[in-house]
Amino acid sequence: MSADKGEPFGLTRRQIIESGAAFAVLGYARPGFAAEANIVPPTAPLGDPDNATLPVRMTINGAERAVTLDPRTTLLDMLREHLGLTGPKKGCDHGQCGACTVLVEGRRINSCLTLAVLHEGDSITTIEGLAHGEQLHPLQSAFVHRDGFQCGYCTPGQICSAVGMIRERMSGNICRCSAYPNIVAAIKDAAGETL
């Protein structure tokens, strides 16, 4: 567009973008220019980010736990790799299958989609924490009674979702073996008992 059609100073949009890019390059290519223009050059990161760790404390299945983690560690990886709790499964790693479902403060959550450091101080329950000694949780018993599993890979996530379900019920949990009728029957059996 020309100046008479509303472009400021007779410059086109392309010329403005090209000029901005040129000034940005000059700021890095000629250090004195950055100081003259009050441009703050980027600084190197402090320390080595690959070696950065943070202490994290939370209650896992009723026991206080403290671990030191890379801040990029997912809750799922912390549970499986750092604490040895293999009930939550790594299925899709995209929050679509529900195999990694755990309960955080009583609410179900896909542990593959959240960072462990975000749950500092939280109470987390995995499938391993639902039973009381040899006494299975009512949903665990119902799944066994109704044969609500085939390969069993998705079962921990299914049970944790059923325990933590509120409005959405079982949406977000995929059983690749299609044991849904038995899963629903198991949940119905346990619904009359305290969850």
Protein backbone atom coordinates (compact mmCIF):
# COMPACT_ATOMS: atom_id res chain seq x y z
CA MET A 1 0.00 0.00 0.00
CA SER A 2 1.16 3.50 -0.65
CA ALA A 3 1.13 6.45 1.77
CA ASP A 4 -2.07 7.80 0.28
CA LYS A 5 -3.90 4.54 1.07
CA GLY A 6 -3.24 4.61 4.80
CA GLU A 7 0.31 3.19 5.18
CA PRO A 8 2.32 5.24 7.69
CA PHE A 9 5.27 7.17 6.31
CA GLY A 10 4.73 5.63 2.87
CA LEU A 11 6.18 2.26 3.98
CA THR A 12 4.67 -1.09 3.21
CA ARG A 13 4.12 -3.72 5.89
CA ARG A 14 6.91 -5.79 4.35
CA GLN A 15 9.37 -2.87 4.54
CA ILE A 16 8.52 -2.32 8.22
CA ILE A 17 9.10 -6.01 9.06
CA GLU A 18 12.37 -6.09 7.09
CA SER A 19 13.59 -2.94 8.87
CA GLY A 20 12.73 -4.40 12.28
CA ALA A 21 14.60 -7.59 11.47
CA ALA A 22 17.63 -5.62 10.29
CA PHE A 23 17.73 -3.60 13.54
CA ALA A 24 17.46 -6.80 15.58
CA VAL A 25 20.40 -8.33 13.69
CA LEU A 26 22.47 -5.17 14.12
CA GLY A 27 21.94 -5.36 17.89
CA TYR A 28 23.61 -8.75 18.01
CA ALA A 29 26.18 -8.16 15.27
CA ARG A 30 27.50 -4.86 16.60
CA PRO A 31 27.61 -4.89 20.44
CA GLY A 32 27.99 -1.12 20.69
CA PHE A 33 24.70 -0.70 18.82
CA ALA A 34 22.84 -2.68 21.49
CA ALA A 35 24.14 -0.40 24.23
CA GLU A 36 23.28 2.72 22.22
CA ALA A 37 19.73 1.52 21.62
CA ASN A 38 19.23 0.33 25.23
CA ILE A 39 18.79 -3.25 24.00
CA VAL A 40 19.53 -5.82 26.69
CA PRO A 41 21.47 -8.71 25.17
CA PRO A 42 20.40 -12.22 26.12
CA THR A 43 22.26 -13.71 29.07
CA ALA A 44 23.57 -17.23 29.36
CA PRO A 45 21.46 -19.45 31.63
CA LEU A 46 22.72 -19.84 35.18
CA GLY A 47 24.11 -23.29 35.73
CA ASP A 48 23.57 -26.36 33.63
CA PRO A 49 19.81 -26.95 33.08
CA ASP A 50 20.50 -30.63 32.45
CA ASN A 51 21.77 -30.99 36.03
CA ALA A 52 19.13 -28.83 37.76
CA THR A 53 17.07 -30.66 40.38
CA LEU A 54 14.42 -29.72 42.92
CA PRO A 55 13.37 -31.40 46.16
CA VAL A 56 9.72 -32.47 46.13
CA ARG A 57 7.66 -33.71 49.10
CA MET A 58 4.27 -35.33 48.86
CA THR A 59 2.18 -38.04 50.42
CA ILE A 60 2.07 -41.16 48.25
CA ASN A 61 -0.43 -43.84 49.26
CA GLY A 62 -0.49 -42.49 52.81
CA ALA A 63 3.29 -42.29 53.29
CA GLU A 64 5.34 -39.10 53.25
CA ARG A 65 7.88 -39.22 50.43
CA ALA A 66 10.68 -36.86 49.47
CA VAL A 67 12.52 -37.07 46.17
CA THR A 68 14.92 -34.84 44.27
CA LEU A 69 13.87 -34.51 40.64
CA ASP A 70 14.64 -32.81 37.39
CA PRO A 71 11.82 -30.21 37.23
CA ARG A 72 10.77 -31.64 33.85
CA THR A 73 9.91 -35.06 35.36
CA THR A 74 6.27 -36.03 34.93
CA LEU A 75 4.29 -37.34 37.87
CA LEU A 76 4.04 -40.69 36.05
CA ASP A 77 7.81 -40.98 35.61
CA MET A 78 8.39 -40.01 39.24
CA LEU A 79 5.99 -42.70 40.45
CA ARG A 80 7.35 -45.43 38.18
CA GLU A 81 11.05 -44.64 37.87
CA HIS A 82 11.88 -42.96 41.17
CA LEU A 83 9.48 -44.67 43.57
CA GLY A 84 9.00 -48.05 41.89
CA LEU A 85 5.19 -47.81 41.76
CA THR A 86 4.42 -49.57 38.50
CA GLY A 87 0.62 -49.63 38.84
CA PRO A 88 0.17 -46.45 36.80
CA LYS A 89 1.06 -47.42 33.25
CA LYS A 90 2.67 -45.45 30.45
CA GLY A 91 0.17 -46.05 27.65
CA CYS A 92 -0.08 -43.26 25.12
CA ASP A 93 1.95 -40.64 27.04
CA HIS A 94 -0.49 -38.04 25.66
CA GLY A 95 -3.31 -38.18 28.23
CA GLN A 96 -5.68 -39.98 25.89
CA CYS A 97 -5.81 -43.56 27.20
CA GLY A 98 -6.08 -43.16 30.99
CA ALA A 99 -3.64 -45.99 31.79
CA CYS A 100 -1.63 -43.55 33.94
CA THR A 101 -4.61 -42.33 36.00
CA VAL A 102 -3.94 -41.65 39.67
CA LEU A 103 -5.83 -39.72 42.33
CA VAL A 104 -4.44 -36.35 43.41
CA GLU A 105 -6.28 -35.01 46.45
CA GLY A 106 -9.09 -37.42 45.54
CA ARG A 107 -9.44 -36.18 41.96
CA ARG A 108 -8.43 -38.34 39.02
CA ILE A 109 -5.61 -37.03 36.90
CA ASN A 110 -3.57 -38.27 33.96
CA SER A 111 -0.15 -38.46 35.58
CA CYS A 112 1.64 -38.37 32.21
CA LEU A 113 0.40 -34.82 31.59
CA THR A 114 1.52 -33.12 34.79
CA LEU A 115 4.91 -32.33 36.25
CA ALA A 116 5.72 -33.87 39.62
CA VAL A 117 7.00 -30.57 41.06
CA LEU A 118 3.52 -29.07 40.61
CA HIS A 119 2.20 -31.48 43.23
CA GLU A 120 4.43 -30.41 46.11
CA GLY A 121 2.55 -31.23 49.32
CA ASP A 122 -0.29 -33.06 47.58
CA SER A 123 -1.73 -36.42 48.57
CA ILE A 124 -1.47 -38.93 45.71
CA THR A 125 -3.11 -42.36 45.56
CA THR A 126 -2.13 -44.98 43.02
CA ILE A 127 -3.71 -48.39 42.46
CA GLU A 128 -1.20 -49.74 45.00
CA GLY A 129 -2.67 -47.49 47.69
CA LEU A 130 -6.35 -48.41 47.29
CA ALA A 131 -6.28 -51.73 49.16
CA HIS A 132 -5.90 -51.89 52.94
CA GLY A 133 -3.42 -54.72 53.45
CA GLU A 134 -5.06 -57.86 52.08
CA GLN A 135 -8.49 -56.17 51.99
CA LEU A 136 -9.11 -55.03 48.40
CA HIS A 137 -10.94 -51.80 47.65
CA PRO A 138 -14.59 -52.53 46.70
CA LEU A 139 -13.84 -51.65 43.06
CA GLN A 140 -10.82 -53.91 42.97
CA SER A 141 -12.96 -56.75 44.32
CA ALA A 142 -15.72 -55.99 41.81
CA PHE A 143 -13.25 -55.98 38.90
CA VAL A 144 -11.98 -59.39 39.98
CA HIS A 145 -15.52 -60.74 40.48
CA ARG A 146 -16.79 -59.37 37.14
CA ASP A 147 -13.62 -60.16 35.24
CA GLY A 148 -13.37 -56.46 34.32
CA PHE A 149 -10.03 -56.91 32.63
CA GLN A 150 -8.32 -59.01 30.01
CA CYS A 151 -4.67 -58.13 29.63
CA GLY A 152 -4.87 -55.93 32.75
CA TYR A 153 -2.73 -53.12 31.36
CA CYS A 154 -5.47 -50.50 31.61
CA THR A 155 -7.00 -51.87 34.82
CA PRO A 156 -5.13 -49.66 37.34
CA GLY A 157 -6.20 -46.52 35.45
CA GLN A 158 -9.76 -47.82 35.08
CA ILE A 159 -10.05 -48.49 38.82
CA CYS A 160 -8.47 -45.17 39.86
CA SER A 161 -10.83 -43.34 37.49
CA ALA A 162 -13.83 -45.21 38.88
CA VAL A 163 -12.78 -44.37 42.44
CA GLY A 164 -12.27 -40.70 41.55
CA MET A 165 -15.15 -40.28 39.14
CA ILE A 166 -17.41 -37.29 39.57
CA ARG A 167 -19.21 -35.97 36.50
CA GLU A 168 -17.52 -37.45 33.51
CA ARG A 169 -17.58 -40.98 34.84
CA MET A 170 -15.21 -43.10 32.80
CA SER A 171 -14.55 -40.83 29.83
CA GLY A 172 -10.88 -40.63 28.99
CA ASN A 173 -10.10 -44.28 29.75
CA ILE A 174 -9.57 -46.63 26.86
CA CYS A 175 -9.53 -50.42 27.22
CA ARG A 176 -7.91 -51.82 24.12
CA CYS A 177 -9.37 -55.28 24.88
CA SER A 178 -12.96 -53.92 24.96
CA ALA A 179 -13.81 -55.21 28.44
CA TYR A 180 -16.22 -52.28 28.88
CA PRO A 181 -19.34 -54.34 29.72
CA ASN A 182 -17.50 -56.09 32.54
CA ILE A 183 -15.88 -52.83 33.71
CA VAL A 184 -19.29 -51.14 33.91
CA ALA A 185 -20.77 -54.18 35.72
CA ALA A 186 -17.91 -54.06 38.25
CA ILE A 187 -18.48 -50.35 38.89
CA LYS A 188 -22.21 -50.93 39.34
CA ASP A 189 -21.49 -53.77 41.82
CA ALA A 190 -19.23 -51.52 43.88
CA ALA A 191 -21.46 -48.44 43.67
CA GLY A 192 -23.46 -49.48 46.73
CA GLU A 193 -20.33 -49.72 48.86
CA THR A 194 -18.27 -46.82 50.20
CA LEU A 195 -15.82 -45.70 47.57
